[in-house]
Protein backbone atom coordinates (compact mmCIF):
# COMPACT_ATOMS: atom_id res chain seq x y z
CA UNK A 1 -21.12 -27.06 -18.47
CA UNK A 2 -22.44 -25.46 -21.44
CA UNK A 3 -24.91 -26.87 -23.37
CA UNK A 4 -22.30 -27.71 -26.04
CA UNK A 5 -20.40 -29.92 -23.56
CA UNK A 6 -23.35 -31.55 -22.28
CA UNK A 7 -24.45 -32.63 -25.63
CA UNK A 8 -21.16 -34.02 -26.68
CA UNK A 9 -21.50 -36.22 -23.61
CA UNK A 10 -23.84 -37.52 -24.17
CA UNK A 11 -22.97 -38.28 -27.69
CA UNK A 12 -19.96 -40.04 -26.00
CA UNK A 13 -21.75 -42.03 -23.49
CA UNK A 14 -24.62 -42.86 -26.26
CA UNK A 15 -21.42 -44.05 -28.32
CA UNK A 16 -22.76 -42.21 -31.33
CA UNK A 17 -21.44 -39.48 -33.38
CA UNK A 18 -22.71 -35.65 -33.54
CA UNK A 19 -24.22 -34.08 -36.26
CA UNK A 20 -23.87 -30.06 -36.73
CA UNK A 21 -25.72 -28.32 -39.53
CA UNK A 22 -25.37 -24.82 -40.94
CA UNK A 23 -28.09 -22.79 -42.40
CA UNK A 24 -27.44 -18.78 -43.08
CA UNK A 25 -30.26 -16.62 -41.16
CA UNK A 26 -33.00 -14.78 -43.21
CA UNK A 27 -32.71 -17.38 -45.78
CA UNK A 28 -34.41 -18.37 -48.27
CA UNK A 29 -37.09 -15.73 -46.32
CA UNK A 30 -36.87 -14.66 -42.60
CA UNK A 31 -40.30 -15.88 -41.86
CA UNK A 32 -38.50 -19.67 -42.87
CA UNK A 33 -35.37 -19.17 -40.32
CA UNK A 34 -36.91 -20.72 -37.46
CA UNK A 35 -38.91 -23.89 -39.14
CA UNK A 36 -35.72 -24.39 -41.15
CA UNK A 37 -33.99 -24.92 -37.36
CA UNK A 38 -36.65 -27.10 -35.98
CA UNK A 39 -36.55 -29.22 -39.11
CA UNK A 40 -32.42 -29.61 -38.39
CA UNK A 41 -33.57 -31.10 -35.33
CA UNK A 42 -36.26 -32.88 -36.69
CA UNK A 43 -34.05 -34.83 -38.73
CA UNK A 44 -31.35 -35.73 -36.37
CA UNK A 45 -28.87 -32.54 -35.93
CA UNK A 46 -27.04 -32.18 -32.45
CA UNK A 47 -25.73 -28.99 -33.07
CA UNK A 48 -27.16 -26.01 -35.14
CA UNK A 49 -24.77 -23.11 -36.76
CA UNK A 50 -26.69 -20.10 -37.81
CA UNK A 51 -25.12 -18.22 -39.93
CA UNK A 52 -25.12 -14.43 -39.52
CA UNK A 53 -25.20 -12.39 -42.98
CA UNK A 54 -22.26 -10.64 -44.04
CA UNK A 55 -21.13 -8.67 -47.19
CA UNK A 56 -17.96 -10.36 -46.93
CA UNK A 57 -18.06 -14.00 -46.31
CA UNK A 58 -14.45 -14.96 -47.05
CA UNK A 59 -14.38 -18.58 -46.31
CA UNK A 60 -17.45 -19.14 -47.90
CA UNK A 61 -18.06 -20.43 -51.35
CA UNK A 62 -20.44 -19.94 -53.89
CA UNK A 63 -23.07 -21.50 -52.30
CA UNK A 64 -23.42 -19.98 -48.92
CA UNK A 65 -22.17 -16.67 -50.47
CA UNK A 66 -25.63 -16.65 -52.60
CA UNK A 67 -27.36 -17.60 -49.03
CA UNK A 68 -25.88 -14.48 -47.32
CA UNK A 69 -26.83 -12.17 -50.61
CA UNK A 70 -30.14 -13.76 -50.33
CA UNK A 71 -30.59 -12.60 -46.50
CA UNK A 72 -28.63 -9.44 -46.83
CA UNK A 73 -31.74 -8.48 -49.30
CA UNK A 74 -33.88 -8.28 -46.39
CA UNK A 75 -31.65 -6.40 -44.52
CA UNK A 76 -30.70 -9.03 -41.48
CA UNK A 77 -28.22 -8.33 -39.11
CA UNK A 78 -27.07 -9.54 -35.59
CA UNK A 79 -30.16 -8.36 -33.70
CA UNK A 80 -32.43 -10.25 -36.20
CA UNK A 81 -30.42 -13.49 -35.67
CA UNK A 82 -30.46 -13.23 -32.01
CA UNK A 83 -33.90 -12.75 -32.39
CA UNK A 84 -34.39 -15.85 -34.33
CA UNK A 85 -32.28 -17.86 -31.56
CA UNK A 86 -34.77 -16.51 -28.95
CA UNK A 87 -37.75 -17.47 -31.14
CA UNK A 88 -36.55 -21.15 -31.47
CA UNK A 89 -35.88 -21.29 -27.24
CA UNK A 90 -39.24 -20.82 -26.99
CA UNK A 91 -39.56 -24.76 -27.81
CA UNK A 92 -36.61 -26.13 -27.69
CA UNK A 93 -34.28 -25.97 -24.65
CA UNK A 94 -31.94 -28.20 -25.38
CA UNK A 95 -30.28 -27.89 -28.70
CA UNK A 96 -27.21 -25.89 -29.20
CA UNK A 97 -26.97 -22.73 -31.14
CA UNK A 98 -23.91 -21.54 -32.72
CA UNK A 99 -23.62 -18.21 -34.17
CA UNK A 100 -21.32 -18.63 -37.06
CA UNK A 101 -19.83 -15.30 -38.97
CA UNK A 102 -17.43 -13.08 -39.21
CA UNK A 103 -15.74 -10.23 -37.16
CA UNK A 104 -17.15 -7.33 -38.24
CA UNK A 105 -20.78 -7.75 -37.31
CA UNK A 106 -19.92 -8.15 -33.68
CA UNK A 107 -17.17 -5.33 -33.58
CA UNK A 108 -19.60 -2.76 -34.77
CA UNK A 109 -22.09 -4.52 -31.71
CA UNK A 110 -19.09 -4.28 -29.22
CA UNK A 111 -17.80 -7.62 -28.04
CA UNK A 112 -19.98 -6.97 -24.69
CA UNK A 113 -23.16 -6.01 -26.50
CA UNK A 114 -22.52 -9.75 -28.25
CA UNK A 115 -21.96 -11.42 -25.28
CA UNK A 116 -25.08 -10.88 -23.25
CA UNK A 117 -27.25 -10.46 -26.46
CA UNK A 118 -25.79 -14.48 -26.76
CA UNK A 119 -27.24 -14.68 -23.38
CA UNK A 120 -30.11 -13.40 -23.53
CA UNK A 121 -31.51 -14.98 -26.25
CA UNK A 122 -30.21 -18.34 -25.73
CA UNK A 123 -27.48 -18.86 -27.91
CA UNK A 124 -24.40 -20.96 -27.20
CA UNK A 125 -21.02 -19.88 -29.01
CA UNK A 126 -19.73 -18.63 -31.57
CA UNK A 127 -17.53 -19.52 -34.96
CA UNK A 128 -15.87 -16.29 -35.91
CA UNK A 129 -13.59 -17.03 -39.30
CA UNK A 130 -11.32 -14.06 -38.64
CA UNK A 131 -10.93 -13.97 -35.27
CA UNK A 132 -7.31 -15.82 -34.86
CA UNK A 133 -6.80 -17.35 -31.36
CA UNK A 134 -4.18 -15.42 -30.69
CA UNK A 135 -5.67 -12.05 -30.61
CA UNK A 136 -9.06 -13.08 -28.89
CA UNK A 137 -8.11 -14.47 -25.61
CA UNK A 138 -9.95 -11.89 -23.73
CA UNK A 139 -12.79 -12.78 -25.73
CA UNK A 140 -12.78 -16.41 -25.45
CA UNK A 141 -12.44 -15.70 -21.52
CA UNK A 142 -15.61 -13.27 -21.51
CA UNK A 143 -17.72 -15.82 -23.24
CA UNK A 144 -16.76 -18.85 -20.86
CA UNK A 145 -17.07 -16.46 -18.10
CA UNK A 146 -20.72 -16.35 -19.08
CA UNK A 147 -20.75 -20.26 -20.08
CA UNK A 148 -20.41 -19.64 -24.02
CA UNK A 149 -18.02 -21.78 -26.10
CA UNK A 150 -15.80 -19.81 -28.67
CA UNK A 151 -14.76 -22.57 -31.39
CA UNK A 152 -11.89 -22.57 -33.70
CA UNK A 153 -10.89 -23.39 -37.13
CA UNK A 154 -8.31 -25.61 -37.77
CA UNK A 155 -6.80 -26.96 -41.63
CA UNK A 156 -4.43 -28.92 -43.05
CA UNK A 157 -1.77 -26.10 -43.69
CA UNK A 158 -2.18 -25.45 -39.23
CA UNK A 159 0.62 -25.23 -37.85
CA UNK A 160 1.59 -27.17 -34.38
CA UNK A 161 1.86 -23.95 -32.89
CA UNK A 162 -1.76 -22.63 -34.01
CA UNK A 163 -2.86 -26.14 -33.01
CA UNK A 164 -1.56 -25.81 -29.57
CA UNK A 165 -3.55 -21.98 -29.62
CA UNK A 166 -6.87 -23.79 -30.13
CA UNK A 167 -6.37 -26.01 -27.81
CA UNK A 168 -5.35 -23.14 -25.15
CA UNK A 169 -8.37 -20.74 -25.83
CA UNK A 170 -11.05 -22.89 -27.45
CA UNK A 171 -13.70 -24.58 -26.14
CA UNK A 172 -16.81 -26.69 -27.21
CA UNK A 173 -15.60 -28.34 -29.90
CA UNK A 174 -12.83 -27.78 -32.38
CA UNK A 175 -13.81 -27.27 -36.41
CA UNK A 176 -11.70 -29.12 -38.15
CA UNK A 177 -12.23 -27.57 -42.11
CA UNK A 178 -10.66 -31.02 -44.54
CA UNK A 179 -9.95 -28.77 -47.42
CA UNK A 180 -7.68 -26.00 -48.60
CA UNK A 181 -10.50 -23.97 -49.80
CA UNK A 182 -13.70 -22.65 -49.15
CA UNK A 183 -16.81 -24.18 -47.81
CA UNK A 184 -18.71 -26.45 -50.59
CA UNK A 185 -15.30 -27.18 -52.35
CA UNK A 186 -13.83 -30.24 -53.44
CA UNK A 187 -13.69 -33.37 -51.96
CA UNK A 188 -12.60 -35.21 -48.92
CA UNK A 189 -9.79 -37.55 -48.70
CA UNK A 190 -10.98 -39.54 -45.77
CA UNK A 191 -7.28 -40.84 -45.62
CA UNK A 192 -5.42 -37.28 -44.71
CA UNK A 193 -8.26 -36.18 -42.73
CA UNK A 194 -7.67 -39.07 -40.13
CA UNK A 195 -3.41 -38.54 -40.38
CA UNK A 196 -4.11 -35.00 -39.76
CA UNK A 197 -6.61 -35.16 -36.69
CA UNK A 198 -4.46 -37.29 -35.02
CA UNK A 199 -2.01 -34.51 -35.12
CA UNK A 200 -4.39 -31.85 -33.93
CA UNK A 201 -5.84 -34.50 -30.90
CA UNK A 202 -1.82 -34.44 -30.01
CA UNK A 203 -2.57 -30.92 -28.64
CA UNK A 204 -6.70 -30.98 -28.48
CA UNK A 205 -8.94 -32.61 -26.31
CA UNK A 206 -12.29 -31.37 -26.94
CA UNK A 207 -14.67 -32.98 -29.89
CA UNK A 208 -13.28 -32.50 -33.06
CA UNK A 209 -16.10 -31.93 -35.97
CA UNK A 210 -15.04 -32.17 -39.70
CA UNK A 211 -16.47 -29.87 -42.70
CA UNK A 212 -15.97 -28.22 -46.20
CA UNK A 213 -17.28 -30.93 -48.24
CA UNK A 214 -19.33 -33.40 -47.13
CA UNK A 215 -21.98 -33.46 -49.33
CA UNK A 216 -23.81 -37.04 -48.96
CA UNK A 217 -24.21 -39.50 -46.29
CA UNK A 218 -21.47 -42.05 -47.17
CA UNK A 219 -18.91 -39.24 -46.93
CA UNK A 220 -20.75 -37.91 -43.98
CA UNK A 221 -20.24 -42.01 -42.59
CA UNK A 222 -16.43 -42.40 -43.40
CA UNK A 223 -15.52 -38.55 -42.11
CA UNK A 224 -17.87 -39.91 -38.68
CA UNK A 225 -15.24 -43.09 -38.80
CA UNK A 226 -12.13 -40.63 -37.28
CA UNK A 227 -14.34 -37.51 -36.44
CA UNK A 228 -16.44 -36.81 -32.99
CA UNK A 229 -18.63 -35.01 -35.46
CA UNK A 230 -19.34 -34.09 -39.28
CA UNK A 231 -20.70 -30.50 -40.05
CA UNK A 232 -22.86 -30.10 -43.16
CA UNK A 233 -23.56 -26.22 -44.31
CA UNK A 234 -23.35 -25.81 -48.32
CA UNK A 235 -25.08 -29.23 -49.03
CA UNK A 236 -27.96 -27.96 -47.15
CA UNK A 237 -28.24 -24.66 -48.39
CA UNK A 238 -28.22 -26.60 -52.04
CA UNK A 239 -31.58 -28.34 -50.83
CA UNK A 240 -32.88 -25.33 -49.91
CA UNK A 241 -32.05 -23.36 -53.21
CA UNK A 242 -33.22 -26.58 -54.90
CA UNK A 243 -36.57 -27.19 -52.94
CA UNK A 244 -37.52 -23.37 -53.09
CA UNK A 245 -39.07 -21.52 -50.36
CA UNK A 246 -42.95 -23.26 -50.29
CA UNK A 247 -40.33 -27.05 -50.10
CA UNK A 248 -37.63 -26.02 -48.23
CA UNK A 249 -38.45 -27.18 -44.92
CA UNK A 250 -39.40 -30.71 -45.63
CA UNK A 251 -36.65 -30.69 -47.68
CA UNK A 252 -33.80 -30.03 -45.12
CA UNK A 253 -35.95 -32.53 -42.31
CA UNK A 254 -35.28 -35.45 -45.25
CA UNK A 255 -32.14 -34.52 -46.24
CA UNK A 256 -30.62 -34.52 -42.85
CA UNK A 257 -32.54 -37.24 -41.36
CA UNK A 258 -30.35 -39.05 -44.03
CA UNK A 259 -27.19 -38.25 -42.90
CA UNK A 260 -28.26 -39.06 -39.01
CA UNK A 261 -29.44 -42.84 -39.99
CA UNK A 262 -25.82 -43.11 -41.93
CA UNK A 263 -24.41 -41.88 -39.20
CA UNK A 264 -25.98 -43.94 -36.80
CA UNK A 265 -25.63 -47.59 -38.59
């Protein structure tokens, strides 16, 4: 059983909903990435998504685009990202870390080297936005052979065929994108999410996390009524931007604590 599977099993046993949080590695400064990861856990995050900076993050709205740009100014690449996970693992052996990004950095590194790098640094899986499930069954199988998960995205426009393919190939959890558009855009219609998750669960048996557009405790609590987990990214990056490097760690811890409290009420 992977660390992600174990985490969701424990949440279910405790009748709790998961909190999945995202930051971009290297933003706002390389030396803050590991402290921010710890702050997310201290605030109550159950699973950490660590963004791999990329020059063309096609699924991201302006907030995460800016985070990528800031990180790339420090020349943060895949090996740096894995280095942050390795450092985080020195004092946290239990919180799952998922590397989130795009195919290009993985292909450049080589899939075999990427998988081994995940094993060596202590990462638990990957979300690769532009890896369609139909085209990476071999990659997903190689990841699973190392007890690593590949998490796929589903959207309001996903067909029953695509949902079934994700159910076949994906593991750990499924990431349901609640909006048509990019990260951080629009407001969530929780009734629509509930209807669409019912269709997703006709095929998908692993936990389902909902993201894109969750910006506050009230929305997170409403989405958690129908999802196994909520995923928050852009709003956390905004906290980092507003606080500045000196106060970012405390600001993130405080914000995530508020979300965690709402989920547990």
